[in-house]
Amino acid sequence: MKTKSIRIPKDMMAAIELVEKEEKIEESTAMRKLMRIGFETYIGNLYKQGKVTLREASRLLKLSQIETMNLFLDAGIKGNLDASDVLISLERFVSK
């Protein structure tokens, strides 16, 4: 693990302290937890916008595709394919 020094605004420190208190964890653990949640949200938004595939999102998050899809579904992020995408894929599959 790498150590970094950053400036943290007061409102973010309050959030870290809240997580520390609620979950009875150390400050550094609370910070890592909040950073992970933010990263998952960021990747979820990229997926929702179609900027990354499920496979790419899974690789970035270091999760299986099923775990990633479940994470996104829990966050209210549905797949970024529509019916026409599925039909095109099926047509390619059948024609081979």
Foldseek 3Di string as FASTA:
>chain_A
DDDDDDDDDPVVVVVLVVCCVVVVDDSVVSVVVVVLVVVLVVLLVCQLVVNDDLVRSCVVNVHDSVVNQVVSVVVVRHGNDDPVVVVVVVVVVVVD
